[in-house]
Amino acid sequence: MAQKDRFIITVNGIPEEEGHVRIDDFIRQLQLFSSAIKQYDQHITRQQESTTYLRIVDLHHSSPATVVVEPRPYDVKYDNTELVSREFFSLLTEVSTPGSPIRPVNPSVLESLQNMSQGLGRRFSYFSISRENEVVVMDNRFEQRIRECLEPEESYPGFFRGILEAINIHGNANVLRIYPDIGPTKIICNFPLELRNAAIEAVAHFVEVRGVVKYKGRAPFPHAITVNEIKAFPDDSQLPTLLDLYGVAPNATGDLLSEEFVRELRNATY
């Protein structure tokens, strides 16, 4: 693993804690960083699950606390660590540079980054991420730039198709996730109680959900849909084959033999 793929996370606690970082705040920042990396991995690799994980390769506390993390592939045959590391840090640089355009990205990535920077002054006095001697400080300006990207939210009537692979009906949450073939990696769908049975029956099927499609800021794809219709499509095994169609319309060619009918079609001029 190349040293250039590693990230250095530096955090300093608030003055009330004499610069030390509370353990809950320290763990929270690392979890948010890990979440942002995994979400960005899914965004650029177009996979339903992250292809990389993070491991700690160095850790010390010398005011400020510093952690060195290294992306690693879950499967060495699909090693995207260099791509993910380079592009993720490029995104951080774009956000931290005033006036610089920010690439379209899944809102969940930006939300994780926003949460990381929101603790300034309450959970930590300084937080930065470094790679190859470049440093991005996640301060109030960083958080403000992300807020501008996420706002305002726009809504339009529309639909999306994808595999319904997750559903939560606990406590009347009535939320499901679909994974489209094109567009966003996944979309959160909120559905009314009257569609609960339809949603449950559609799990693991290719579906079409219609309703109000929601976009955040300049995001290229929607992040959520308020659903008013769920249509599940049959599995391939349930669809008729060519053999099943044999003889279903014996009078389709009239008085012509099928060979003559096809021949006339081929010779037709329009």
C-alpha atoms as a PDB file:
ATOM      1  CA  MET A   1       0.000   0.000   0.000  1.00  0.00           C
ATOM      2  CA  ALA A   2       1.459   3.330  -1.077  1.00  0.00           C
ATOM      3  CA  GLN A   3       2.045   5.953   1.577  1.00  0.00           C
ATOM      4  CA  LYS A   4       0.271   8.511  -0.608  1.00  0.00           C
ATOM      5  CA  ASP A   5      -3.072   6.737  -0.104  1.00  0.00           C
ATOM      6  CA  ARG A   6      -2.974   7.332   3.646  1.00  0.00           C
ATOM      7  CA  PHE A   7      -4.857  10.063   5.479  1.00  0.00           C
ATOM      8  CA  ILE A   8      -3.630  11.890   8.556  1.00  0.00           C
ATOM      9  CA  ILE A   9      -6.420  13.026  10.858  1.00  0.00           C
ATOM     10  CA  THR A  10      -5.474  15.684  13.385  1.00  0.00           C
ATOM     11  CA  VAL A  11      -7.773  16.827  16.161  1.00  0.00           C
ATOM     12  CA  ASN A  12      -7.287  19.098  19.162  1.00  0.00           C
ATOM     13  CA  GLY A  13      -9.701  19.284  22.067  1.00  0.00           C
ATOM     14  CA  ILE A  14     -11.391  22.359  23.465  1.00  0.00           C
ATOM     15  CA  PRO A  15      -9.578  24.594  26.016  1.00  0.00           C
ATOM     16  CA  GLU A  16     -11.895  23.402  28.806  1.00  0.00           C
ATOM     17  CA  GLU A  17     -10.369  19.942  28.368  1.00  0.00           C
ATOM     18  CA  GLU A  18      -6.819  21.355  28.209  1.00  0.00           C
ATOM     19  CA  GLY A  19      -6.623  20.384  24.548  1.00  0.00           C
ATOM     20  CA  HIS A  20      -7.453  16.733  25.191  1.00  0.00           C
ATOM     21  CA  VAL A  21     -10.199  15.126  23.139  1.00  0.00           C
ATOM     22  CA  ARG A  22     -13.109  13.377  24.787  1.00  0.00           C
ATOM     23  CA  ILE A  23     -13.294   9.747  23.775  1.00  0.00           C
ATOM     24  CA  ASP A  24     -16.888   9.981  22.501  1.00  0.00           C
ATOM     25  CA  ASP A  25     -15.999  12.970  20.318  1.00  0.00           C
ATOM     26  CA  PHE A  26     -12.856  11.239  19.042  1.00  0.00           C
ATOM     27  CA  ILE A  27     -14.769   8.092  18.070  1.00  0.00           C
ATOM     28  CA  ARG A  28     -17.534  10.155  16.492  1.00  0.00           C
ATOM     29  CA  GLN A  29     -15.105  11.978  14.183  1.00  0.00           C
ATOM     30  CA  LEU A  30     -13.470   8.735  13.075  1.00  0.00           C
ATOM     31  CA  GLN A  31     -16.849   7.116  12.419  1.00  0.00           C
ATOM     32  CA  LEU A  32     -17.999  10.076  10.333  1.00  0.00           C
ATOM     33  CA  PHE A  33     -14.754  10.007   8.360  1.00  0.00           C
ATOM     34  CA  SER A  34     -15.120   6.282   7.756  1.00  0.00           C
ATOM     35  CA  SER A  35     -18.732   6.766   6.694  1.00  0.00           C
ATOM     36  CA  ALA A  36     -17.805   9.552   4.249  1.00  0.00           C
ATOM     37  CA  ILE A  37     -15.064   7.414   2.662  1.00  0.00           C
ATOM     38  CA  LYS A  38     -17.371   4.421   2.236  1.00  0.00           C
ATOM     39  CA  GLN A  39     -20.176   6.545   0.792  1.00  0.00           C
ATOM     40  CA  TYR A  40     -17.795   8.194  -1.653  1.00  0.00           C
ATOM     41  CA  ASP A  41     -16.441   4.768  -2.620  1.00  0.00           C
ATOM     42  CA  GLN A  42     -19.981   3.663  -3.483  1.00  0.00           C
ATOM     43  CA  HIS A  43     -20.551   6.923  -5.356  1.00  0.00           C
ATOM     44  CA  ILE A  44     -17.591   6.598  -7.740  1.00  0.00           C
ATOM     45  CA  THR A  45     -17.457   2.799  -8.100  1.00  0.00           C
ATOM     46  CA  ARG A  46     -21.242   2.461  -8.571  1.00  0.00           C
ATOM     47  CA  GLN A  47     -21.353  -0.439  -6.121  1.00  0.00           C
ATOM     48  CA  GLN A  48     -24.076  -1.101  -3.547  1.00  0.00           C
ATOM     49  CA  GLU A  49     -21.400  -1.729  -0.905  1.00  0.00           C
ATOM     50  CA  SER A  50     -18.084  -0.029  -0.313  1.00  0.00           C
ATOM     51  CA  THR A  51     -15.095  -1.768  -1.892  1.00  0.00           C
ATOM     52  CA  THR A  52     -12.683  -0.421   0.732  1.00  0.00           C
ATOM     53  CA  TYR A  53     -12.287  -0.303   4.481  1.00  0.00           C
ATOM     54  CA  LEU A  54     -10.001   1.739   6.741  1.00  0.00           C
ATOM     55  CA  ARG A  55      -7.378   0.532   9.157  1.00  0.00           C
ATOM     56  CA  ILE A  56      -5.329   2.538  11.660  1.00  0.00           C
ATOM     57  CA  VAL A  57      -1.588   2.331  10.930  1.00  0.00           C
ATOM     58  CA  ASP A  58      -0.382   4.981  13.374  1.00  0.00           C
ATOM     59  CA  LEU A  59      -1.867   6.655  16.426  1.00  0.00           C
ATOM     60  CA  HIS A  60      -0.330   9.007  18.948  1.00  0.00           C
ATOM     61  CA  HIS A  61      -1.265  11.749  21.345  1.00  0.00           C
ATOM     62  CA  SER A  62       1.158  14.616  21.573  1.00  0.00           C
ATOM     63  CA  SER A  63      -1.301  17.505  21.647  1.00  0.00           C
ATOM     64  CA  PRO A  64      -2.886  17.428  19.143  1.00  0.00           C
ATOM     65  CA  ALA A  65      -3.963  13.831  18.719  1.00  0.00           C
ATOM     66  CA  THR A  66      -3.062  12.348  15.340  1.00  0.00           C
ATOM     67  CA  VAL A  67      -4.352   9.240  13.596  1.00  0.00           C
ATOM     68  CA  VAL A  68      -3.026   7.811  10.343  1.00  0.00           C
ATOM     69  CA  VAL A  69      -5.556   5.675   8.471  1.00  0.00           C
ATOM     70  CA  GLU A  70      -5.039   3.582   5.384  1.00  0.00           C
ATOM     71  CA  PRO A  71      -7.712   2.473   2.909  1.00  0.00           C
ATOM     72  CA  ARG A  72      -7.607  -1.242   2.110  1.00  0.00           C
ATOM     73  CA  PRO A  73      -9.572  -3.269  -0.460  1.00  0.00           C
ATOM     74  CA  TYR A  74     -12.047  -5.887   0.686  1.00  0.00           C
ATOM     75  CA  ASP A  75     -11.074  -7.832  -2.424  1.00  0.00           C
ATOM     76  CA  VAL A  76      -7.569  -7.396  -3.863  1.00  0.00           C
ATOM     77  CA  LYS A  77      -8.947  -8.159  -7.346  1.00  0.00           C
ATOM     78  CA  TYR A  78     -10.973  -4.927  -7.149  1.00  0.00           C
ATOM     79  CA  ASP A  79      -8.523  -2.537  -5.532  1.00  0.00           C
ATOM     80  CA  ASN A  80      -9.965   0.995  -5.788  1.00  0.00           C
ATOM     81  CA  THR A  81      -8.025   2.440  -2.853  1.00  0.00           C
ATOM     82  CA  GLU A  82      -5.831   4.787  -4.890  1.00  0.00           C
ATOM     83  CA  LEU A  83      -8.808   6.116  -6.863  1.00  0.00           C
ATOM     84  CA  VAL A  84     -10.964   6.551  -3.760  1.00  0.00           C
ATOM     85  CA  SER A  85      -8.183   8.247  -1.763  1.00  0.00           C
ATOM     86  CA  ARG A  86      -7.216  10.642  -4.542  1.00  0.00           C
ATOM     87  CA  GLU A  87     -10.740  11.647  -5.551  1.00  0.00           C
ATOM     88  CA  PHE A  88     -12.030  11.919  -1.987  1.00  0.00           C
ATOM     89  CA  PHE A  89      -9.238  14.276  -1.000  1.00  0.00           C
ATOM     90  CA  SER A  90      -9.826  16.274  -4.198  1.00  0.00           C
ATOM     91  CA  LEU A  91     -13.419  16.732  -3.055  1.00  0.00           C
ATOM     92  CA  LEU A  92     -12.211  17.982   0.338  1.00  0.00           C
ATOM     93  CA  THR A  93      -9.889  20.429  -1.406  1.00  0.00           C
ATOM     94  CA  GLU A  94     -12.708  21.752  -3.593  1.00  0.00           C
ATOM     95  CA  VAL A  95     -14.925  22.324  -0.557  1.00  0.00           C
ATOM     96  CA  SER A  96     -12.148  24.099   1.360  1.00  0.00           C
ATOM     97  CA  THR A  97     -11.219  26.425  -1.531  1.00  0.00           C
ATOM     98  CA  PRO A  98     -13.465  29.522  -1.690  1.00  0.00           C
ATOM     99  CA  GLY A  99     -14.894  30.077  -5.169  1.00  0.00           C
ATOM    100  CA  SER A 100     -13.826  26.652  -6.392  1.00  0.00           C
ATOM    101  CA  PRO A 101     -16.566  24.605  -8.107  1.00  0.00           C
ATOM    102  CA  ILE A 102     -17.579  21.497  -6.175  1.00  0.00           C
ATOM    103  CA  ARG A 103     -18.178  18.314  -8.151  1.00  0.00           C
ATOM    104  CA  PRO A 104     -21.628  16.708  -8.076  1.00  0.00           C
ATOM    105  CA  VAL A 105     -21.648  14.084  -5.350  1.00  0.00           C
ATOM    106  CA  ASN A 106     -24.084  12.006  -3.354  1.00  0.00           C
ATOM    107  CA  PRO A 107     -25.595  14.217  -0.606  1.00  0.00           C
ATOM    108  CA  SER A 108     -24.856  11.551   2.020  1.00  0.00           C
ATOM    109  CA  VAL A 109     -21.126  12.178   1.519  1.00  0.00           C
ATOM    110  CA  LEU A 110     -21.547  15.907   2.056  1.00  0.00           C
ATOM    111  CA  GLU A 111     -23.761  15.342   5.084  1.00  0.00           C
ATOM    112  CA  SER A 112     -21.070  13.212   6.755  1.00  0.00           C
ATOM    113  CA  LEU A 113     -18.473  15.909   6.049  1.00  0.00           C
ATOM    114  CA  GLN A 114     -20.809  18.582   7.358  1.00  0.00           C
ATOM    115  CA  ASN A 115     -21.327  16.655  10.600  1.00  0.00           C
ATOM    116  CA  MET A 116     -17.564  16.319  10.993  1.00  0.00           C
ATOM    117  CA  SER A 117     -17.042  20.074  10.787  1.00  0.00           C
ATOM    118  CA  GLN A 118     -20.010  21.088  12.951  1.00  0.00           C
ATOM    119  CA  GLY A 119     -18.278  20.219  16.230  1.00  0.00           C
ATOM    120  CA  LEU A 120     -15.809  23.100  16.037  1.00  0.00           C
ATOM    121  CA  GLY A 121     -15.765  24.992  19.307  1.00  0.00           C
ATOM    122  CA  ARG A 122     -17.944  22.418  21.086  1.00  0.00           C
ATOM    123  CA  ARG A 123     -16.194  19.082  20.548  1.00  0.00           C
ATOM    124  CA  PHE A 124     -12.796  20.212  19.283  1.00  0.00           C
ATOM    125  CA  SER A 125     -10.841  23.380  18.623  1.00  0.00           C
ATOM    126  CA  TYR A 126      -9.086  22.120  15.490  1.00  0.00           C
ATOM    127  CA  PHE A 127      -9.728  19.324  13.003  1.00  0.00           C
ATOM    128  CA  SER A 128      -7.906  18.617   9.763  1.00  0.00           C
ATOM    129  CA  ILE A 129      -7.339  15.877   7.208  1.00  0.00           C
ATOM    130  CA  SER A 130      -4.009  15.625   5.388  1.00  0.00           C
ATOM    131  CA  ARG A 131      -2.720  13.627   2.422  1.00  0.00           C
ATOM    132  CA  GLU A 132       0.651  13.902   0.692  1.00  0.00           C
ATOM    133  CA  ASN A 133       1.589  17.062   2.632  1.00  0.00           C
ATOM    134  CA  GLU A 134      -1.666  18.799   1.681  1.00  0.00           C
ATOM    135  CA  VAL A 135      -3.907  19.858   4.541  1.00  0.00           C
ATOM    136  CA  VAL A 136      -7.633  20.557   4.589  1.00  0.00           C
ATOM    137  CA  VAL A 137      -8.889  22.274   7.740  1.00  0.00           C
ATOM    138  CA  MET A 138     -12.521  21.525   8.486  1.00  0.00           C
ATOM    139  CA  ASP A 139     -13.607  24.798  10.009  1.00  0.00           C
ATOM    140  CA  ASN A 140     -16.710  26.988   9.893  1.00  0.00           C
ATOM    141  CA  ARG A 141     -16.030  28.057   6.295  1.00  0.00           C
ATOM    142  CA  PHE A 142     -15.811  24.410   5.265  1.00  0.00           C
ATOM    143  CA  GLU A 143     -19.158  23.649   6.901  1.00  0.00           C
ATOM    144  CA  GLN A 144     -20.763  26.727   5.316  1.00  0.00           C
ATOM    145  CA  ARG A 145     -19.646  25.674   1.827  1.00  0.00           C
ATOM    146  CA  ILE A 146     -21.255  22.278   2.293  1.00  0.00           C
ATOM    147  CA  ARG A 147     -24.471  23.841   3.585  1.00  0.00           C
ATOM    148  CA  GLU A 148     -24.642  25.936   0.413  1.00  0.00           C
ATOM    149  CA  CYS A 149     -24.291  22.774  -1.681  1.00  0.00           C
ATOM    150  CA  LEU A 150     -27.069  20.978   0.173  1.00  0.00           C
ATOM    151  CA  GLU A 151     -29.571  23.831   0.161  1.00  0.00           C
ATOM    152  CA  PRO A 152     -32.162  24.441  -1.005  1.00  0.00           C
ATOM    153  CA  GLU A 153     -33.953  21.143  -1.549  1.00  0.00           C
ATOM    154  CA  GLU A 154     -36.043  20.936  -4.716  1.00  0.00           C
ATOM    155  CA  SER A 155     -38.932  18.562  -5.393  1.00  0.00           C
ATOM    156  CA  TYR A 156     -40.537  17.377  -8.628  1.00  0.00           C
ATOM    157  CA  PRO A 157     -43.064  14.712  -9.614  1.00  0.00           C
ATOM    158  CA  GLY A 158     -41.252  11.700 -10.991  1.00  0.00           C
ATOM    159  CA  PHE A 159     -40.378   8.042 -10.717  1.00  0.00           C
ATOM    160  CA  PHE A 160     -37.419   5.701 -10.396  1.00  0.00           C
ATOM    161  CA  ARG A 161     -36.855   2.025 -11.001  1.00  0.00           C
ATOM    162  CA  GLY A 162     -34.539  -0.317  -9.150  1.00  0.00           C
ATOM    163  CA  ILE A 163     -34.183  -3.325  -6.886  1.00  0.00           C
ATOM    164  CA  LEU A 164     -35.973  -3.012  -3.543  1.00  0.00           C
ATOM    165  CA  GLU A 165     -33.465  -4.518  -1.113  1.00  0.00           C
ATOM    166  CA  ALA A 166     -34.205  -2.911   2.244  1.00  0.00           C
ATOM    167  CA  ILE A 167     -37.336  -1.944   4.154  1.00  0.00           C
ATOM    168  CA  ASN A 168     -38.040  -0.637   7.652  1.00  0.00           C
ATOM    169  CA  ILE A 169     -41.572  -0.690   9.045  1.00  0.00           C
ATOM    170  CA  HIS A 170     -40.591  -0.637  12.720  1.00  0.00           C
ATOM    171  CA  GLY A 171     -42.510   1.987  14.639  1.00  0.00           C
ATOM    172  CA  ASN A 172     -44.346   3.006  11.471  1.00  0.00           C
ATOM    173  CA  ALA A 173     -41.086   4.236   9.939  1.00  0.00           C
ATOM    174  CA  ASN A 174     -42.318   3.054   6.507  1.00  0.00           C
ATOM    175  CA  VAL A 175     -39.022   3.567   4.718  1.00  0.00           C
ATOM    176  CA  LEU A 176     -37.521   1.500   1.937  1.00  0.00           C
ATOM    177  CA  ARG A 177     -34.414   1.720  -0.214  1.00  0.00           C
ATOM    178  CA  ILE A 178     -34.163   0.990  -3.902  1.00  0.00           C
ATOM    179  CA  TYR A 179     -30.963   0.531  -5.878  1.00  0.00           C
ATOM    180  CA  PRO A 180     -31.356   1.818  -9.458  1.00  0.00           C
ATOM    181  CA  ASP A 181     -29.374   0.471 -12.402  1.00  0.00           C
ATOM    182  CA  ILE A 182     -28.556   4.024 -13.451  1.00  0.00           C
ATOM    183  CA  GLY A 183     -28.360   7.317 -11.605  1.00  0.00           C
ATOM    184  CA  PRO A 184     -27.898   7.344  -7.823  1.00  0.00           C
ATOM    185  CA  THR A 185     -26.460   4.386  -5.948  1.00  0.00           C
ATOM    186  CA  LYS A 186     -29.577   4.216  -3.794  1.00  0.00           C
ATOM    187  CA  ILE A 187     -32.704   6.251  -3.045  1.00  0.00           C
ATOM    188  CA  ILE A 188     -34.533   6.512   0.270  1.00  0.00           C
ATOM    189  CA  CYS A 189     -38.285   6.099  -0.218  1.00  0.00           C
ATOM    190  CA  ASN A 190     -40.905   7.139   2.332  1.00  0.00           C
ATOM    191  CA  PHE A 191     -44.250   5.467   1.740  1.00  0.00           C
ATOM    192  CA  PRO A 192     -47.688   5.849   3.405  1.00  0.00           C
ATOM    193  CA  LEU A 193     -49.261   3.178   5.590  1.00  0.00           C
ATOM    194  CA  GLU A 194     -51.702   2.107   2.865  1.00  0.00           C
ATOM    195  CA  LEU A 195     -48.762   1.005   0.697  1.00  0.00           C
ATOM    196  CA  ARG A 196     -47.125  -1.116   3.403  1.00  0.00           C
ATOM    197  CA  ASN A 197     -48.385  -4.465   2.067  1.00  0.00           C
ATOM    198  CA  ALA A 198     -47.345  -3.552  -1.469  1.00  0.00           C
ATOM    199  CA  ALA A 199     -43.907  -2.558  -0.211  1.00  0.00           C
ATOM    200  CA  ILE A 200     -43.424  -5.785   1.747  1.00  0.00           C
ATOM    201  CA  GLU A 201     -44.499  -7.926  -1.211  1.00  0.00           C
ATOM    202  CA  ALA A 202     -42.083  -6.036  -3.478  1.00  0.00           C
ATOM    203  CA  VAL A 203     -38.949  -6.759  -1.414  1.00  0.00           C
ATOM    204  CA  ALA A 204     -36.172  -8.267  -3.582  1.00  0.00           C
ATOM    205  CA  HIS A 205     -38.087  -7.369  -6.763  1.00  0.00           C
ATOM    206  CA  PHE A 206     -37.367  -4.846  -9.481  1.00  0.00           C
ATOM    207  CA  VAL A 207     -39.838  -2.045  -8.794  1.00  0.00           C
ATOM    208  CA  GLU A 208     -41.021   1.320 -10.014  1.00  0.00           C
ATOM    209  CA  VAL A 209     -41.791   3.923  -7.362  1.00  0.00           C
ATOM    210  CA  ARG A 210     -43.676   7.102  -8.262  1.00  0.00           C
ATOM    211  CA  GLY A 211     -44.197  10.225  -6.236  1.00  0.00           C
ATOM    212  CA  VAL A 212     -42.343  13.416  -5.319  1.00  0.00           C
ATOM    213  CA  VAL A 213     -38.640  13.148  -6.144  1.00  0.00           C
ATOM    214  CA  LYS A 214     -36.324  15.250  -3.942  1.00  0.00           C
ATOM    215  CA  TYR A 215     -32.975  16.781  -4.868  1.00  0.00           C
ATOM    216  CA  LYS A 216     -30.514  18.499  -2.537  1.00  0.00           C
ATOM    217  CA  GLY A 217     -28.774  21.559  -3.899  1.00  0.00           C
ATOM    218  CA  ARG A 218     -26.613  20.757  -6.913  1.00  0.00           C
ATOM    219  CA  ALA A 219     -26.705  17.004  -6.436  1.00  0.00           C
ATOM    220  CA  PRO A 220     -26.940  15.263  -9.837  1.00  0.00           C
ATOM    221  CA  PHE A 221     -29.426  12.661  -8.643  1.00  0.00           C
ATOM    222  CA  PRO A 222     -32.333  12.587  -6.183  1.00  0.00           C
ATOM    223  CA  HIS A 223     -31.708  11.368  -2.658  1.00  0.00           C
ATOM    224  CA  ALA A 224     -35.298  10.586  -1.642  1.00  0.00           C
ATOM    225  CA  ILE A 225     -38.833  10.041  -2.910  1.00  0.00           C
ATOM    226  CA  THR A 226     -42.134  10.536  -1.138  1.00  0.00           C
ATOM    227  CA  VAL A 227     -43.928   7.558  -2.668  1.00  0.00           C
ATOM    228  CA  ASN A 228     -47.566   7.380  -3.733  1.00  0.00           C
ATOM    229  CA  GLU A 229     -47.332   4.303  -5.969  1.00  0.00           C
ATOM    230  CA  ILE A 230     -45.280   1.091  -5.929  1.00  0.00           C
ATOM    231  CA  LYS A 231     -45.258  -1.261  -8.888  1.00  0.00           C
ATOM    232  CA  ALA A 232     -43.362  -4.554  -8.691  1.00  0.00           C
ATOM    233  CA  PHE A 233     -42.286  -6.198 -11.931  1.00  0.00           C
ATOM    234  CA  PRO A 234     -42.293 -10.005 -12.299  1.00  0.00           C
ATOM    235  CA  ASP A 235     -39.050 -11.947 -12.114  1.00  0.00           C
ATOM    236  CA  ASP A 236     -37.510 -13.161 -15.371  1.00  0.00           C
ATOM    237  CA  SER A 237     -38.521 -16.696 -14.446  1.00  0.00           C
ATOM    238  CA  GLN A 238     -42.176 -15.608 -14.448  1.00  0.00           C
ATOM    239  CA  LEU A 239     -42.090 -14.042 -17.908  1.00  0.00           C
ATOM    240  CA  PRO A 240     -43.211 -16.008 -20.991  1.00  0.00           C
ATOM    241  CA  THR A 241     -40.592 -17.530 -23.266  1.00  0.00           C
ATOM    242  CA  LEU A 242     -40.665 -17.633 -27.058  1.00  0.00           C
ATOM    243  CA  LEU A 243     -41.886 -21.220 -26.794  1.00  0.00           C
ATOM    244  CA  ASP A 244     -44.804 -20.049 -24.640  1.00  0.00           C
ATOM    245  CA  LEU A 245     -45.838 -17.656 -27.444  1.00  0.00           C
ATOM    246  CA  TYR A 246     -46.015 -20.431 -30.009  1.00  0.00           C
ATOM    247  CA  GLY A 247     -49.546 -20.714 -31.421  1.00  0.00           C
ATOM    248  CA  VAL A 248     -51.100 -17.941 -29.300  1.00  0.00           C
ATOM    249  CA  ALA A 249     -52.361 -16.065 -32.421  1.00  0.00           C
ATOM    250  CA  PRO A 250     -53.043 -18.647 -35.141  1.00  0.00           C
ATOM    251  CA  ASN A 251     -54.977 -16.204 -37.349  1.00  0.00           C
ATOM    252  CA  ALA A 252     -52.480 -13.328 -37.135  1.00  0.00           C
ATOM    253  CA  THR A 253     -51.370 -13.747 -40.791  1.00  0.00           C
ATOM    254  CA  GLY A 254     -54.855 -14.162 -42.253  1.00  0.00           C
ATOM    255  CA  ASP A 255     -54.892 -16.412 -45.333  1.00  0.00           C
ATOM    256  CA  LEU A 256     -51.107 -16.203 -45.761  1.00  0.00           C
ATOM    257  CA  LEU A 257     -48.656 -18.782 -44.590  1.00  0.00           C
ATOM    258  CA  SER A 258     -46.271 -17.421 -41.979  1.00  0.00           C
ATOM    259  CA  GLU A 259     -43.380 -17.627 -44.495  1.00  0.00           C
ATOM    260  CA  GLU A 260     -45.330 -15.566 -47.042  1.00  0.00           C
ATOM    261  CA  PHE A 261     -46.330 -13.054 -44.383  1.00  0.00           C
ATOM    262  CA  VAL A 262     -42.716 -12.498 -43.310  1.00  0.00           C
ATOM    263  CA  ARG A 263     -41.598 -12.302 -46.966  1.00  0.00           C
ATOM    264  CA  GLU A 264     -44.111  -9.563 -47.685  1.00  0.00           C
ATOM    265  CA  LEU A 265     -42.961  -7.644 -44.641  1.00  0.00           C
ATOM    266  CA  ARG A 266     -39.374  -7.821 -45.811  1.00  0.00           C
ATOM    267  CA  ASN A 267     -40.265  -6.654 -49.307  1.00  0.00           C
ATOM    268  CA  ALA A 268     -42.578  -3.886 -48.162  1.00  0.00           C
ATOM    269  CA  THR A 269     -41.743  -0.286 -48.979  1.00  0.00           C
ATOM    270  CA  TYR A 270     -42.728   2.656 -46.771  1.00  0.00           C
END
